[in-house]
C-alpha atoms as a PDB file:
ATOM      1  CA  MET A   1     -36.481  -2.818  37.271  1.00  0.00           C
ATOM      2  CA  LYS A   2     -38.858  -5.485  35.319  1.00  0.00           C
ATOM      3  CA  THR A   3     -37.658  -7.860  32.897  1.00  0.00           C
ATOM      4  CA  THR A   4     -40.770  -6.748  30.757  1.00  0.00           C
ATOM      5  CA  GLU A   5     -39.261  -3.472  30.461  1.00  0.00           C
ATOM      6  CA  PRO A   6     -37.818  -1.639  27.444  1.00  0.00           C
ATOM      7  CA  GLY A   7     -34.603  -0.270  28.999  1.00  0.00           C
ATOM      8  CA  TYR A   8     -33.961  -4.390  30.714  1.00  0.00           C
ATOM      9  CA  PHE A   9     -34.297  -5.857  26.703  1.00  0.00           C
ATOM     10  CA  ILE A  10     -31.793  -3.005  25.648  1.00  0.00           C
ATOM     11  CA  LEU A  11     -29.284  -3.696  28.532  1.00  0.00           C
ATOM     12  CA  ALA A  12     -29.406  -7.961  28.235  1.00  0.00           C
ATOM     13  CA  THR A  13     -28.872  -6.947  24.650  1.00  0.00           C
ATOM     14  CA  LEU A  14     -25.989  -4.814  25.197  1.00  0.00           C
ATOM     15  CA  ALA A  15     -24.691  -7.366  28.341  1.00  0.00           C
ATOM     16  CA  ALA A  16     -25.377  -9.788  25.239  1.00  0.00           C
ATOM     17  CA  ALA A  17     -23.390  -8.099  22.414  1.00  0.00           C
ATOM     18  CA  PHE A  18     -20.267  -7.927  24.561  1.00  0.00           C
ATOM     19  CA  MET A  19     -20.032 -10.931  25.550  1.00  0.00           C
ATOM     20  CA  VAL A  20     -19.982 -12.109  22.162  1.00  0.00           C
ATOM     21  CA  THR A  21     -17.538  -9.933  20.877  1.00  0.00           C
ATOM     22  CA  GLY A  22     -15.270 -10.784  23.399  1.00  0.00           C
ATOM     23  CA  CYS A  23     -15.183 -14.219  22.267  1.00  0.00           C
ATOM     24  CA  ILE A  24     -13.740 -13.458  19.320  1.00  0.00           C
ATOM     25  CA  GLU A  25     -10.907 -14.849  18.497  1.00  0.00           C
ATOM     26  CA  ILE A  26      -8.018 -13.227  17.404  1.00  0.00           C
ATOM     27  CA  GLU A  27      -6.569 -14.036  13.570  1.00  0.00           C
ATOM     28  CA  GLN A  28      -3.370 -15.792  13.393  1.00  0.00           C
ATOM     29  CA  LEU A  29      -0.823 -15.168  10.956  1.00  0.00           C
ATOM     30  CA  PRO A  30       2.863 -16.752  10.403  1.00  0.00           C
ATOM     31  CA  PRO A  31       5.703 -13.673  11.716  1.00  0.00           C
ATOM     32  CA  GLU A  32       6.849 -14.059   7.596  1.00  0.00           C
ATOM     33  CA  PRO A  33       5.392 -11.794   5.240  1.00  0.00           C
ATOM     34  CA  ARG A  34       3.151 -13.423   2.046  1.00  0.00           C
ATOM     35  CA  ILE A  35       2.554 -12.160  -1.645  1.00  0.00           C
ATOM     36  CA  GLU A  36       0.607 -13.167  -3.987  1.00  0.00           C
ATOM     37  CA  PHE A  37       1.002 -11.235  -7.924  1.00  0.00           C
ATOM     38  CA  ARG A  38      -2.505  -8.726  -8.730  1.00  0.00           C
ATOM     39  CA  SER A  39      -2.082  -7.706 -12.302  1.00  0.00           C
ATOM     40  CA  PHE A  40       0.677  -5.733 -13.810  1.00  0.00           C
ATOM     41  CA  THR A  41      -0.360  -2.675 -16.386  1.00  0.00           C
ATOM     42  CA  ILE A  42       1.784  -0.554 -19.085  1.00  0.00           C
ATOM     43  CA  SER A  43       1.317   2.629 -19.727  1.00  0.00           C
ATOM     44  CA  ASP A  44       2.573   5.652 -21.885  1.00  0.00           C
ATOM     45  CA  THR A  45       4.373   8.518 -19.608  1.00  0.00           C
ATOM     46  CA  THR A  46       6.490  10.647 -19.894  1.00  0.00           C
ATOM     47  CA  ASP A  47       9.556  11.450 -17.160  1.00  0.00           C
ATOM     48  CA  ILE A  48      11.065  13.696 -14.925  1.00  0.00           C
ATOM     49  CA  LEU A  49      12.539  15.970 -17.498  1.00  0.00           C
ATOM     50  CA  GLY A  50       9.168  15.433 -20.076  1.00  0.00           C
ATOM     51  CA  ASN A  51      10.995  12.264 -22.092  1.00  0.00           C
ATOM     52  CA  GLU A  52       8.787   9.492 -23.393  1.00  0.00           C
ATOM     53  CA  ALA A  53       8.544   7.044 -21.872  1.00  0.00           C
ATOM     54  CA  LYS A  54       6.470   3.694 -20.709  1.00  0.00           C
ATOM     55  CA  ALA A  55       5.706   2.971 -16.808  1.00  0.00           C
ATOM     56  CA  GLY A  56       4.722  -0.315 -15.642  1.00  0.00           C
ATOM     57  CA  LYS A  57       2.980  -1.047 -12.655  1.00  0.00           C
ATOM     58  CA  LEU A  58       3.211  -3.787 -10.411  1.00  0.00           C
ATOM     59  CA  THR A  59       0.440  -4.789  -7.502  1.00  0.00           C
ATOM     60  CA  PHE A  60       0.089  -7.006  -5.060  1.00  0.00           C
ATOM     61  CA  TYR A  61      -1.050  -8.326  -1.921  1.00  0.00           C
ATOM     62  CA  PHE A  62       0.244  -8.520   1.327  1.00  0.00           C
ATOM     63  CA  GLU A  63      -0.828  -9.554   4.763  1.00  0.00           C
ATOM     64  CA  ASP A  64       2.358 -10.358   8.016  1.00  0.00           C
ATOM     65  CA  GLY A  65       1.594 -11.291  11.331  1.00  0.00           C
ATOM     66  CA  ASP A  66       3.783  -9.347  13.209  1.00  0.00           C
ATOM     67  CA  GLY A  67       2.786  -6.200  11.167  1.00  0.00           C
ATOM     68  CA  ASP A  68       6.440  -5.303  10.381  1.00  0.00           C
ATOM     69  CA  ILE A  69       6.665  -4.603   6.907  1.00  0.00           C
ATOM     70  CA  GLY A  70       8.496  -1.043   5.704  1.00  0.00           C
ATOM     71  CA  LEU A  71      11.270   0.604   6.484  1.00  0.00           C
ATOM     72  CA  ARG A  72      11.829   4.505   7.853  1.00  0.00           C
ATOM     73  CA  GLU A  73      14.031   6.831   6.714  1.00  0.00           C
ATOM     74  CA  GLY A  74      17.394   6.530   7.791  1.00  0.00           C
ATOM     75  CA  SER A  75      16.127   3.155   9.154  1.00  0.00           C
ATOM     76  CA  ALA A  76      18.592   0.776  10.998  1.00  0.00           C
ATOM     77  CA  TYR A  77      16.149  -1.806  11.105  1.00  0.00           C
ATOM     78  CA  ALA A  78      17.544  -3.393   7.976  1.00  0.00           C
ATOM     79  CA  THR A  79      21.045  -4.150   6.901  1.00  0.00           C
ATOM     80  CA  GLU A  80      20.464  -2.510   3.761  1.00  0.00           C
ATOM     81  CA  ASN A  81      18.085   0.304   2.722  1.00  0.00           C
ATOM     82  CA  TYR A  82      15.264  -1.762   0.349  1.00  0.00           C
ATOM     83  CA  ASN A  83      12.510  -4.996   1.002  1.00  0.00           C
ATOM     84  CA  MET A  84      11.695  -5.346  -1.856  1.00  0.00           C
ATOM     85  CA  PHE A  85      13.540  -6.817  -4.409  1.00  0.00           C
ATOM     86  CA  LEU A  86      13.363  -8.034  -8.267  1.00  0.00           C
ATOM     87  CA  THR A  87      14.648 -10.448 -10.473  1.00  0.00           C
ATOM     88  CA  LEU A  88      13.883  -9.510 -14.754  1.00  0.00           C
ATOM     89  CA  TYR A  89      13.526 -11.957 -17.474  1.00  0.00           C
ATOM     90  CA  ARG A  90      13.987 -11.399 -20.694  1.00  0.00           C
ATOM     91  CA  LYS A  91      12.454 -13.498 -23.674  1.00  0.00           C
ATOM     92  CA  SER A  92      15.358 -15.013 -25.936  1.00  0.00           C
ATOM     93  CA  GLY A  93      14.717 -18.277 -28.235  1.00  0.00           C
ATOM     94  CA  GLY A  94      10.920 -18.578 -27.017  1.00  0.00           C
ATOM     95  CA  ILE A  95      11.940 -18.915 -23.486  1.00  0.00           C
ATOM     96  CA  MET A  96      12.163 -16.682 -20.543  1.00  0.00           C
ATOM     97  CA  LEU A  97      15.770 -16.530 -19.004  1.00  0.00           C
ATOM     98  CA  PRO A  98      17.326 -14.392 -16.158  1.00  0.00           C
ATOM     99  CA  ALA A  99      18.663 -11.169 -17.764  1.00  0.00           C
ATOM    100  CA  ASP A 100      21.951  -9.713 -17.111  1.00  0.00           C
ATOM    101  CA  GLY A 101      22.239  -7.811 -13.531  1.00  0.00           C
ATOM    102  CA  ASP A 102      23.355  -4.123 -16.377  1.00  0.00           C
ATOM    103  CA  ASP A 103      20.483  -5.087 -18.150  1.00  0.00           C
ATOM    104  CA  PRO A 104      18.847  -1.252 -19.632  1.00  0.00           C
ATOM    105  CA  LEU A 105      15.140  -2.602 -17.997  1.00  0.00           C
ATOM    106  CA  TYR A 106      16.414  -4.201 -14.935  1.00  0.00           C
ATOM    107  CA  PRO A 107      15.127  -1.922 -11.856  1.00  0.00           C
ATOM    108  CA  THR A 108      17.039  -1.560  -8.895  1.00  0.00           C
ATOM    109  CA  PRO A 109      15.287  -2.525  -5.282  1.00  0.00           C
ATOM    110  CA  TYR A 110      12.246  -0.866  -3.459  1.00  0.00           C
ATOM    111  CA  ARG A 111      11.743   0.603  -0.500  1.00  0.00           C
ATOM    112  CA  ILE A 112       8.176   0.160   0.635  1.00  0.00           C
ATOM    113  CA  PRO A 113       7.446   2.955   3.356  1.00  0.00           C
ATOM    114  CA  TYR A 114       6.878   2.282   7.008  1.00  0.00           C
ATOM    115  CA  LEU A 115       3.636   0.636   7.638  1.00  0.00           C
ATOM    116  CA  GLU A 116       2.510   0.236  10.750  1.00  0.00           C
ATOM    117  CA  ARG A 117      -0.942  -0.825  12.769  1.00  0.00           C
ATOM    118  CA  LEU A 118      -1.543   0.257  16.298  1.00  0.00           C
ATOM    119  CA  GLY A 119      -4.085  -2.048  19.044  1.00  0.00           C
ATOM    120  CA  GLN A 120      -3.714  -5.320  19.825  1.00  0.00           C
ATOM    121  CA  ASN A 121      -4.182  -7.410  16.687  1.00  0.00           C
ATOM    122  CA  LYS A 122      -0.620  -6.357  14.799  1.00  0.00           C
ATOM    123  CA  ILE A 123      -1.488  -8.396  11.686  1.00  0.00           C
ATOM    124  CA  LEU A 124      -1.324  -5.770   8.220  1.00  0.00           C
ATOM    125  CA  LYS A 125      -2.901  -7.185   4.849  1.00  0.00           C
ATOM    126  CA  GLY A 126      -3.835  -4.753   1.676  1.00  0.00           C
ATOM    127  CA  GLU A 127      -1.762  -4.377  -1.860  1.00  0.00           C
ATOM    128  CA  ILE A 128       0.925  -2.626  -2.606  1.00  0.00           C
ATOM    129  CA  SER A 129       1.650  -0.949  -6.553  1.00  0.00           C
ATOM    130  CA  VAL A 130       5.240  -0.074  -7.284  1.00  0.00           C
ATOM    131  CA  THR A 131       5.822   1.802 -10.938  1.00  0.00           C
ATOM    132  CA  ILE A 132       8.890   0.662 -12.661  1.00  0.00           C
ATOM    133  CA  LEU A 133      10.102   3.648 -15.106  1.00  0.00           C
ATOM    134  CA  TYR A 134      11.362   1.999 -19.030  1.00  0.00           C
ATOM    135  CA  LEU A 135      13.311   4.964 -20.475  1.00  0.00           C
ATOM    136  CA  PHE A 136      14.958   2.805 -23.024  1.00  0.00           C
ATOM    137  CA  TYR A 137      12.961  -0.622 -24.873  1.00  0.00           C
ATOM    138  CA  SER A 138      12.311  -1.978 -27.802  1.00  0.00           C
ATOM    139  CA  GLU A 139       9.376  -2.974 -29.582  1.00  0.00           C
ATOM    140  CA  SER A 140      10.414  -6.880 -29.335  1.00  0.00           C
ATOM    141  CA  ASP A 141      11.176  -6.618 -25.007  1.00  0.00           C
ATOM    142  CA  THR A 142       9.318  -9.154 -23.638  1.00  0.00           C
ATOM    143  CA  ILE A 143       9.691  -9.298 -19.697  1.00  0.00           C
ATOM    144  CA  MET A 144       8.758 -10.629 -16.598  1.00  0.00           C
ATOM    145  CA  TYR A 145       9.678 -10.360 -13.256  1.00  0.00           C
ATOM    146  CA  ASP A 146      10.149 -12.721  -9.759  1.00  0.00           C
ATOM    147  CA  PHE A 147       9.853 -10.363  -6.042  1.00  0.00           C
ATOM    148  CA  TYR A 148       9.731 -10.822  -2.877  1.00  0.00           C
ATOM    149  CA  ILE A 149       9.615  -9.346   0.066  1.00  0.00           C
ATOM    150  CA  ARG A 150      11.406  -8.572   3.789  1.00  0.00           C
ATOM    151  CA  ASP A 151      10.078  -7.321   6.442  1.00  0.00           C
ATOM    152  CA  ARG A 152      11.671  -5.271   9.681  1.00  0.00           C
ATOM    153  CA  ALA A 153      12.678  -8.833  11.645  1.00  0.00           C
ATOM    154  CA  GLN A 154      14.840 -10.097   7.992  1.00  0.00           C
ATOM    155  CA  HIS A 155      12.194 -12.378   7.217  1.00  0.00           C
ATOM    156  CA  GLU A 156      11.350 -13.077   3.857  1.00  0.00           C
ATOM    157  CA  SER A 157       8.633 -13.644   2.021  1.00  0.00           C
ATOM    158  CA  ASN A 158       7.223 -16.529  -0.912  1.00  0.00           C
ATOM    159  CA  VAL A 159       8.753 -15.667  -3.952  1.00  0.00           C
ATOM    160  CA  GLU A 160       5.640 -14.469  -6.871  1.00  0.00           C
ATOM    161  CA  SER A 161       6.352 -13.997 -10.508  1.00  0.00           C
ATOM    162  CA  THR A 162       4.690 -11.748 -12.961  1.00  0.00           C
ATOM    163  CA  CYS A 163       2.681 -12.410 -16.191  1.00  0.00           C
ATOM    164  CA  VAL A 164       4.757 -11.947 -19.400  1.00  0.00           C
ATOM    165  CA  ILE A 165       5.011  -8.171 -20.727  1.00  0.00           C
ATOM    166  CA  ALA A 166       5.850  -6.969 -23.655  1.00  0.00           C
ATOM    167  CA  VAL A 167       7.161  -3.790 -23.087  1.00  0.00           C
ATOM    168  CA  ALA A 168       6.381  -1.751 -25.953  1.00  0.00           C
ATOM    169  CA  ALA A 169       1.722  -2.433 -25.699  1.00  0.00           C
ATOM    170  CA  ASN A 170       0.219  -1.081 -23.134  1.00  0.00           C
ATOM    171  CA  GLY A 171      -2.180  -3.093 -21.804  1.00  0.00           C
ATOM    172  CA  THR A 172      -3.050  -4.935 -17.893  1.00  0.00           C
ATOM    173  CA  CYS A 173      -2.267  -8.669 -17.400  1.00  0.00           C
ATOM    174  CA  THR A 174      -3.864 -10.911 -14.183  1.00  0.00           C
ATOM    175  CA  ALA A 175      -2.632 -13.333 -12.501  1.00  0.00           C
ATOM    176  CA  GLY A 176      -3.552 -16.759 -13.644  1.00  0.00           C
ATOM    177  CA  SER A 177      -3.587 -14.631 -17.562  1.00  0.00           C
END
């Protein structure tokens, strides 16, 4: 085959492309998950019985180097049934203070469903949204949360904080606001 024939040019181009992509290094991240707060939205809703309530939607970014985020139903990976934990803070006297565990606005821990990435690169990245239902609140309730996640190897992420939230007021606050 002559080097001026069209088939040779295509073959040489494909071979060069395969060599370049074969040299691309796989991204490396630590095995501990990392999270970043993105937003918190308050809106009107109704519960499953038709009662009026407020819903808070917490959205955060996550990444995990070994891709072991989430638990299967009946999972034996964790000693607990949960892998996302929140700490509630209430505004009192102009400052945010940790709330008591029996506070009606205190959420339960959450269970992030099992996530798995197939292939050689196990890194997981994405956004997770969690909805918190507020059945009992007052017009003056002002709160915020600290939260973190735990992967199947029991590695804990960094702790992130939401913005300050007025439960009775619909709207969205974002990171940095």
